[in-house]
Amino acid sequence: MEYILKYFSDFTEAQIEQLKALRTLYSEWNEKINIISRKDIEHLYLKHILHSLSIAATFDFKDGSSIIDIGTGGGFPGIPLAIYFPNIHFHLVDSIGKKLKVVQEIADVIQLRNISAEHKRAEEIKDRKFDFVVSRAVAPLKDLWKWSKPLLSKKNNNTFNNGLICLKGGDLHQEISESGLRPGMISLYEIFSEEYFKEKYLLYVKP
């Protein structure tokens, strides 16, 4: 939790309590369903929550925006972002139903009212539009963009364009080249000084 408070000072007491509760909830669920790798559960706040909040450190979404989290798994980056942005709706989708059960249960326990969860592949969603798509290490950039583009609303409600915001790590040159895209790219090590973020990046793709 100290990692979060090191970089974010504007949480309300209620938000801090929601964030604190995540350690126990994820630890308990991880005993039943492998949501987070066993070795990483001890680093929940650094490797999962702070990593997810790098999007909040970079983008200030307008209240009322709608965001879909593709391949959310156990709720990252969607749950930390939903805590940070209580006036924005997050729709968390994944093809693995049991992980979404965990997402919904955790949201219910911490009374996180601004999320919904759906057991579906992103490419199967035909009837909804969103301001932004977020994702964390789910698929190659070219695939993420193929799934994301049809989901993006053409109307911009923010001061920056609607688009795909994804978190990735390692050498991304080949992946970006194969995608044929020119994403904006931010090194998370420029935002967070911990060694873990040395080869972690945020990519932003606009239509």
C-alpha atoms as a PDB file:
ATOM      1  CA  MET A   1       0.000   0.000   0.000  1.00  0.00           C
ATOM      2  CA  GLU A   2       2.942   2.320   0.622  1.00  0.00           C
ATOM      3  CA  TYR A   3       3.717   2.220  -3.106  1.00  0.00           C
ATOM      4  CA  ILE A   4       0.287   3.654  -3.877  1.00  0.00           C
ATOM      5  CA  LEU A   5       0.465   6.447  -1.314  1.00  0.00           C
ATOM      6  CA  LYS A   6       3.976   7.328  -2.468  1.00  0.00           C
ATOM      7  CA  TYR A   7       2.642   8.445  -5.850  1.00  0.00           C
ATOM      8  CA  PHE A   8      -1.025   9.291  -5.219  1.00  0.00           C
ATOM      9  CA  SER A   9      -2.094  11.684  -2.479  1.00  0.00           C
ATOM     10  CA  ASP A  10      -5.642  12.524  -3.547  1.00  0.00           C
ATOM     11  CA  PHE A  11      -7.516   9.397  -2.447  1.00  0.00           C
ATOM     12  CA  THR A  12     -10.465   9.804  -0.112  1.00  0.00           C
ATOM     13  CA  GLU A  13     -10.579   7.748   3.077  1.00  0.00           C
ATOM     14  CA  ALA A  14     -13.180   5.487   1.442  1.00  0.00           C
ATOM     15  CA  GLN A  15     -10.919   4.862  -1.552  1.00  0.00           C
ATOM     16  CA  ILE A  16      -7.977   4.057   0.731  1.00  0.00           C
ATOM     17  CA  GLU A  17     -10.121   1.518   2.580  1.00  0.00           C
ATOM     18  CA  GLN A  18     -11.128  -0.071  -0.747  1.00  0.00           C
ATOM     19  CA  LEU A  19      -7.492  -0.338  -1.798  1.00  0.00           C
ATOM     20  CA  LYS A  20      -6.420  -1.776   1.563  1.00  0.00           C
ATOM     21  CA  ALA A  21      -9.125  -4.438   1.347  1.00  0.00           C
ATOM     22  CA  LEU A  22      -7.712  -5.768  -1.928  1.00  0.00           C
ATOM     23  CA  ARG A  23      -4.769  -7.520  -0.250  1.00  0.00           C
ATOM     24  CA  THR A  24      -6.948  -9.811   1.859  1.00  0.00           C
ATOM     25  CA  LEU A  25      -9.526 -10.367  -0.871  1.00  0.00           C
ATOM     26  CA  TYR A  26      -7.023 -11.307  -3.572  1.00  0.00           C
ATOM     27  CA  SER A  27      -5.040 -13.487  -1.158  1.00  0.00           C
ATOM     28  CA  GLU A  28      -8.185 -15.394  -0.179  1.00  0.00           C
ATOM     29  CA  TRP A  29      -9.388 -15.828  -3.753  1.00  0.00           C
ATOM     30  CA  ASN A  30      -5.928 -16.837  -4.926  1.00  0.00           C
ATOM     31  CA  GLU A  31      -6.136 -19.853  -2.627  1.00  0.00           C
ATOM     32  CA  LYS A  32      -9.206 -21.018  -4.569  1.00  0.00           C
ATOM     33  CA  ILE A  33      -8.505 -19.790  -8.098  1.00  0.00           C
ATOM     34  CA  ASN A  34      -5.102 -18.886  -9.508  1.00  0.00           C
ATOM     35  CA  ILE A  35      -5.790 -15.236 -10.286  1.00  0.00           C
ATOM     36  CA  ILE A  36      -2.262 -13.946  -9.684  1.00  0.00           C
ATOM     37  CA  SER A  37       0.901 -16.033  -9.812  1.00  0.00           C
ATOM     38  CA  ARG A  38       1.782 -17.369  -6.356  1.00  0.00           C
ATOM     39  CA  LYS A  39       5.094 -15.517  -6.246  1.00  0.00           C
ATOM     40  CA  ASP A  40       3.434 -12.231  -7.214  1.00  0.00           C
ATOM     41  CA  ILE A  41       0.665 -12.110  -4.604  1.00  0.00           C
ATOM     42  CA  GLU A  42       3.160 -10.627  -2.124  1.00  0.00           C
ATOM     43  CA  HIS A  43       3.820  -7.850  -4.621  1.00  0.00           C
ATOM     44  CA  LEU A  44       0.151  -7.106  -5.314  1.00  0.00           C
ATOM     45  CA  TYR A  45       0.393  -3.362  -4.765  1.00  0.00           C
ATOM     46  CA  LEU A  46       3.552  -2.865  -6.808  1.00  0.00           C
ATOM     47  CA  LYS A  47       3.101  -5.264  -9.722  1.00  0.00           C
ATOM     48  CA  HIS A  48      -0.650  -5.149 -10.161  1.00  0.00           C
ATOM     49  CA  ILE A  49      -2.305  -2.165  -8.484  1.00  0.00           C
ATOM     50  CA  LEU A  50       0.365   0.507  -9.019  1.00  0.00           C
ATOM     51  CA  HIS A  51       0.995  -0.864 -12.517  1.00  0.00           C
ATOM     52  CA  SER A  52      -2.716  -0.501 -13.285  1.00  0.00           C
ATOM     53  CA  LEU A  53      -2.765   3.015 -11.856  1.00  0.00           C
ATOM     54  CA  SER A  54      -0.055   4.133 -14.271  1.00  0.00           C
ATOM     55  CA  ILE A  55      -3.003   4.836 -16.598  1.00  0.00           C
ATOM     56  CA  ALA A  56      -4.466   7.188 -13.985  1.00  0.00           C
ATOM     57  CA  ALA A  57      -1.065   8.865 -13.618  1.00  0.00           C
ATOM     58  CA  THR A  58      -1.058   9.567 -17.354  1.00  0.00           C
ATOM     59  CA  PHE A  59      -4.708  10.217 -18.281  1.00  0.00           C
ATOM     60  CA  ASP A  60      -7.269  12.294 -16.407  1.00  0.00           C
ATOM     61  CA  PHE A  61     -10.563  10.961 -17.732  1.00  0.00           C
ATOM     62  CA  LYS A  62     -13.622  13.175 -17.614  1.00  0.00           C
ATOM     63  CA  ASP A  63     -16.485  12.150 -15.316  1.00  0.00           C
ATOM     64  CA  GLY A  64     -19.091  10.173 -17.215  1.00  0.00           C
ATOM     65  CA  SER A  65     -16.602   8.520 -19.552  1.00  0.00           C
ATOM     66  CA  SER A  66     -17.028   4.819 -20.319  1.00  0.00           C
ATOM     67  CA  ILE A  67     -14.091   2.425 -20.449  1.00  0.00           C
ATOM     68  CA  ILE A  68     -13.880  -1.263 -21.334  1.00  0.00           C
ATOM     69  CA  ASP A  69     -11.115  -3.450 -19.903  1.00  0.00           C
ATOM     70  CA  ILE A  70     -10.359  -6.241 -22.392  1.00  0.00           C
ATOM     71  CA  GLY A  71      -9.010  -9.483 -20.920  1.00  0.00           C
ATOM     72  CA  THR A  72      -9.293  -8.157 -17.383  1.00  0.00           C
ATOM     73  CA  GLY A  73      -8.357 -11.475 -15.747  1.00  0.00           C
ATOM     74  CA  GLY A  74      -8.632 -10.845 -12.019  1.00  0.00           C
ATOM     75  CA  GLY A  75      -9.618  -7.229 -12.554  1.00  0.00           C
ATOM     76  CA  PHE A  76      -6.485  -5.433 -13.745  1.00  0.00           C
ATOM     77  CA  PRO A  77      -6.300  -2.648 -14.662  1.00  0.00           C
ATOM     78  CA  GLY A  78     -10.075  -2.232 -14.280  1.00  0.00           C
ATOM     79  CA  ILE A  79     -10.601  -2.526 -10.509  1.00  0.00           C
ATOM     80  CA  PRO A  80      -7.806  -0.140  -9.408  1.00  0.00           C
ATOM     81  CA  LEU A  81      -8.897   2.349 -12.079  1.00  0.00           C
ATOM     82  CA  ALA A  82     -12.536   2.094 -11.004  1.00  0.00           C
ATOM     83  CA  ILE A  83     -11.477   2.896  -7.429  1.00  0.00           C
ATOM     84  CA  TYR A  84      -9.468   5.885  -8.638  1.00  0.00           C
ATOM     85  CA  PHE A  85     -12.204   7.168 -10.986  1.00  0.00           C
ATOM     86  CA  PRO A  86     -15.500   6.629  -9.090  1.00  0.00           C
ATOM     87  CA  ASN A  87     -17.495   8.696 -11.601  1.00  0.00           C
ATOM     88  CA  ILE A  88     -16.453   6.677 -14.654  1.00  0.00           C
ATOM     89  CA  HIS A  89     -18.052   3.386 -15.651  1.00  0.00           C
ATOM     90  CA  PHE A  90     -15.736   0.422 -16.295  1.00  0.00           C
ATOM     91  CA  HIS A  91     -16.923  -2.664 -18.165  1.00  0.00           C
ATOM     92  CA  LEU A  92     -14.610  -5.602 -17.448  1.00  0.00           C
ATOM     93  CA  VAL A  93     -14.640  -8.479 -19.940  1.00  0.00           C
ATOM     94  CA  ASP A  94     -12.795 -11.776 -20.096  1.00  0.00           C
ATOM     95  CA  SER A  95     -13.227 -15.118 -21.836  1.00  0.00           C
ATOM     96  CA  ILE A  96     -12.660 -16.995 -18.541  1.00  0.00           C
ATOM     97  CA  GLY A  97     -15.840 -16.951 -16.477  1.00  0.00           C
ATOM     98  CA  LYS A  98     -14.379 -17.974 -13.123  1.00  0.00           C
ATOM     99  CA  LYS A  99     -12.074 -14.954 -13.107  1.00  0.00           C
ATOM    100  CA  LEU A 100     -15.012 -12.636 -13.683  1.00  0.00           C
ATOM    101  CA  LYS A 101     -16.761 -14.232 -10.713  1.00  0.00           C
ATOM    102  CA  VAL A 102     -13.823 -13.085  -8.589  1.00  0.00           C
ATOM    103  CA  VAL A 103     -14.016  -9.596 -10.111  1.00  0.00           C
ATOM    104  CA  GLN A 104     -17.711  -9.309  -9.288  1.00  0.00           C
ATOM    105  CA  GLU A 105     -17.302 -10.692  -5.772  1.00  0.00           C
ATOM    106  CA  ILE A 106     -14.442  -8.303  -4.957  1.00  0.00           C
ATOM    107  CA  ALA A 107     -16.376  -5.345  -6.376  1.00  0.00           C
ATOM    108  CA  ASP A 108     -19.389  -6.280  -4.256  1.00  0.00           C
ATOM    109  CA  VAL A 109     -17.370  -6.601  -1.040  1.00  0.00           C
ATOM    110  CA  ILE A 110     -15.659  -3.206  -1.420  1.00  0.00           C
ATOM    111  CA  GLN A 111     -18.908  -1.638  -2.703  1.00  0.00           C
ATOM    112  CA  LEU A 112     -17.443  -0.648  -6.049  1.00  0.00           C
ATOM    113  CA  ARG A 113     -20.556   0.453  -7.905  1.00  0.00           C
ATOM    114  CA  ASN A 114     -19.065   1.757 -11.148  1.00  0.00           C
ATOM    115  CA  ILE A 115     -18.079  -1.546 -12.758  1.00  0.00           C
ATOM    116  CA  SER A 116     -19.871  -4.261 -14.667  1.00  0.00           C
ATOM    117  CA  ALA A 117     -18.459  -7.627 -15.720  1.00  0.00           C
ATOM    118  CA  GLU A 118     -19.197  -9.740 -18.775  1.00  0.00           C
ATOM    119  CA  HIS A 119     -18.047 -13.239 -19.725  1.00  0.00           C
ATOM    120  CA  LYS A 120     -17.331 -12.657 -23.395  1.00  0.00           C
ATOM    121  CA  ARG A 121     -14.543 -12.211 -25.906  1.00  0.00           C
ATOM    122  CA  ALA A 122     -14.017  -8.603 -26.948  1.00  0.00           C
ATOM    123  CA  GLU A 123     -14.661  -9.396 -30.607  1.00  0.00           C
ATOM    124  CA  GLU A 124     -18.116 -10.740 -29.688  1.00  0.00           C
ATOM    125  CA  ILE A 125     -19.318  -7.412 -28.295  1.00  0.00           C
ATOM    126  CA  LYS A 126     -21.376  -5.795 -31.036  1.00  0.00           C
ATOM    127  CA  ASP A 127     -23.917  -3.558 -29.356  1.00  0.00           C
ATOM    128  CA  ARG A 128     -21.870  -1.166 -27.215  1.00  0.00           C
ATOM    129  CA  LYS A 129     -19.440   1.710 -27.679  1.00  0.00           C
ATOM    130  CA  PHE A 130     -16.873   3.081 -25.249  1.00  0.00           C
ATOM    131  CA  ASP A 131     -14.649   6.133 -24.969  1.00  0.00           C
ATOM    132  CA  PHE A 132     -11.558   4.064 -24.245  1.00  0.00           C
ATOM    133  CA  VAL A 133     -10.299   0.501 -24.257  1.00  0.00           C
ATOM    134  CA  VAL A 134      -7.718  -0.447 -21.618  1.00  0.00           C
ATOM    135  CA  SER A 135      -5.765  -3.677 -21.442  1.00  0.00           C
ATOM    136  CA  ARG A 136      -2.773  -5.166 -19.668  1.00  0.00           C
ATOM    137  CA  ALA A 137      -0.470  -7.649 -21.416  1.00  0.00           C
ATOM    138  CA  VAL A 138      -3.311  -9.579 -23.025  1.00  0.00           C
ATOM    139  CA  ALA A 139      -2.410  -9.956 -26.703  1.00  0.00           C
ATOM    140  CA  PRO A 140      -0.161  -8.521 -29.454  1.00  0.00           C
ATOM    141  CA  LEU A 141      -0.863  -4.884 -30.277  1.00  0.00           C
ATOM    142  CA  LYS A 142      -2.223  -5.683 -33.749  1.00  0.00           C
ATOM    143  CA  ASP A 143      -4.856  -7.997 -32.235  1.00  0.00           C
ATOM    144  CA  LEU A 144      -5.733  -5.587 -29.455  1.00  0.00           C
ATOM    145  CA  TRP A 145      -6.331  -2.840 -31.986  1.00  0.00           C
ATOM    146  CA  LYS A 146      -8.426  -5.121 -34.225  1.00  0.00           C
ATOM    147  CA  TRP A 147     -10.697  -5.870 -31.245  1.00  0.00           C
ATOM    148  CA  SER A 148     -10.668  -2.324 -29.885  1.00  0.00           C
ATOM    149  CA  LYS A 149     -11.381  -0.231 -32.934  1.00  0.00           C
ATOM    150  CA  PRO A 150     -15.014  -1.371 -33.431  1.00  0.00           C
ATOM    151  CA  LEU A 151     -15.716  -0.701 -29.734  1.00  0.00           C
ATOM    152  CA  LEU A 152     -14.638   2.941 -29.748  1.00  0.00           C
ATOM    153  CA  SER A 153     -17.212   5.706 -29.882  1.00  0.00           C
ATOM    154  CA  LYS A 154     -16.645   8.279 -32.598  1.00  0.00           C
ATOM    155  CA  LYS A 155     -17.684  11.085 -30.237  1.00  0.00           C
ATOM    156  CA  ASN A 156     -14.873  12.407 -28.039  1.00  0.00           C
ATOM    157  CA  ASN A 157     -15.933  13.509 -24.563  1.00  0.00           C
ATOM    158  CA  ASN A 158     -12.419  14.137 -23.264  1.00  0.00           C
ATOM    159  CA  THR A 159      -9.784  16.693 -24.233  1.00  0.00           C
ATOM    160  CA  PHE A 160      -7.798  13.860 -25.819  1.00  0.00           C
ATOM    161  CA  ASN A 161      -9.016  11.425 -28.458  1.00  0.00           C
ATOM    162  CA  ASN A 162     -10.783   8.178 -27.694  1.00  0.00           C
ATOM    163  CA  GLY A 163      -8.507   5.198 -28.171  1.00  0.00           C
ATOM    164  CA  LEU A 164      -6.741   2.103 -26.893  1.00  0.00           C
ATOM    165  CA  ILE A 165      -4.510   2.397 -23.819  1.00  0.00           C
ATOM    166  CA  CYS A 166      -2.517  -0.739 -23.089  1.00  0.00           C
ATOM    167  CA  LEU A 167       0.227  -1.718 -20.667  1.00  0.00           C
ATOM    168  CA  LYS A 168       3.071  -3.820 -21.993  1.00  0.00           C
ATOM    169  CA  GLY A 169       6.616  -4.848 -21.130  1.00  0.00           C
ATOM    170  CA  GLY A 170       9.898  -5.765 -22.765  1.00  0.00           C
ATOM    171  CA  ASP A 171      11.234  -4.923 -26.221  1.00  0.00           C
ATOM    172  CA  LEU A 172       8.206  -3.804 -28.216  1.00  0.00           C
ATOM    173  CA  HIS A 173       9.857  -2.792 -31.480  1.00  0.00           C
ATOM    174  CA  GLN A 174       8.856  -5.889 -33.447  1.00  0.00           C
ATOM    175  CA  GLU A 175       5.355  -5.972 -32.003  1.00  0.00           C
ATOM    176  CA  ILE A 176       4.760  -2.327 -32.890  1.00  0.00           C
ATOM    177  CA  SER A 177       6.252  -2.808 -36.344  1.00  0.00           C
ATOM    178  CA  GLU A 178       4.022  -5.806 -37.058  1.00  0.00           C
ATOM    179  CA  SER A 179       0.956  -3.858 -35.959  1.00  0.00           C
ATOM    180  CA  GLY A 180       1.488  -1.144 -38.572  1.00  0.00           C
ATOM    181  CA  LEU A 181       0.487   1.405 -35.914  1.00  0.00           C
ATOM    182  CA  ARG A 182       2.238   4.452 -34.504  1.00  0.00           C
ATOM    183  CA  PRO A 183       1.240   4.453 -30.849  1.00  0.00           C
ATOM    184  CA  GLY A 184       2.208   7.064 -28.347  1.00  0.00           C
ATOM    185  CA  MET A 185       4.631   5.374 -25.972  1.00  0.00           C
ATOM    186  CA  ILE A 186       5.488   6.280 -22.388  1.00  0.00           C
ATOM    187  CA  SER A 187       8.086   4.587 -20.220  1.00  0.00           C
ATOM    188  CA  LEU A 188       6.570   3.829 -16.826  1.00  0.00           C
ATOM    189  CA  TYR A 189      10.043   4.109 -15.311  1.00  0.00           C
ATOM    190  CA  GLU A 190       9.753   7.855 -15.970  1.00  0.00           C
ATOM    191  CA  ILE A 191       6.664   7.875 -13.723  1.00  0.00           C
ATOM    192  CA  PHE A 192       7.577   5.288 -11.079  1.00  0.00           C
ATOM    193  CA  SER A 193      11.178   4.883  -9.879  1.00  0.00           C
ATOM    194  CA  GLU A 194      10.947   1.224  -8.797  1.00  0.00           C
ATOM    195  CA  GLU A 195      13.116  -1.242 -10.736  1.00  0.00           C
ATOM    196  CA  TYR A 196      10.058  -3.274 -11.693  1.00  0.00           C
ATOM    197  CA  PHE A 197       9.007  -0.556 -14.134  1.00  0.00           C
ATOM    198  CA  LYS A 198      12.309  -0.366 -16.039  1.00  0.00           C
ATOM    199  CA  GLU A 199      10.967  -2.173 -19.102  1.00  0.00           C
ATOM    200  CA  LYS A 200       7.278  -1.392 -18.671  1.00  0.00           C
ATOM    201  CA  TYR A 201       5.453   0.877 -21.107  1.00  0.00           C
ATOM    202  CA  LEU A 202       2.103   2.480 -21.747  1.00  0.00           C
ATOM    203  CA  LEU A 203       0.935   2.562 -25.387  1.00  0.00           C
ATOM    204  CA  TYR A 204      -1.807   4.863 -26.645  1.00  0.00           C
ATOM    205  CA  VAL A 205      -3.404   4.261 -30.036  1.00  0.00           C
ATOM    206  CA  LYS A 206      -5.894   6.678 -31.585  1.00  0.00           C
ATOM    207  CA  PRO A 207      -8.155   5.847 -34.559  1.00  0.00           C
END
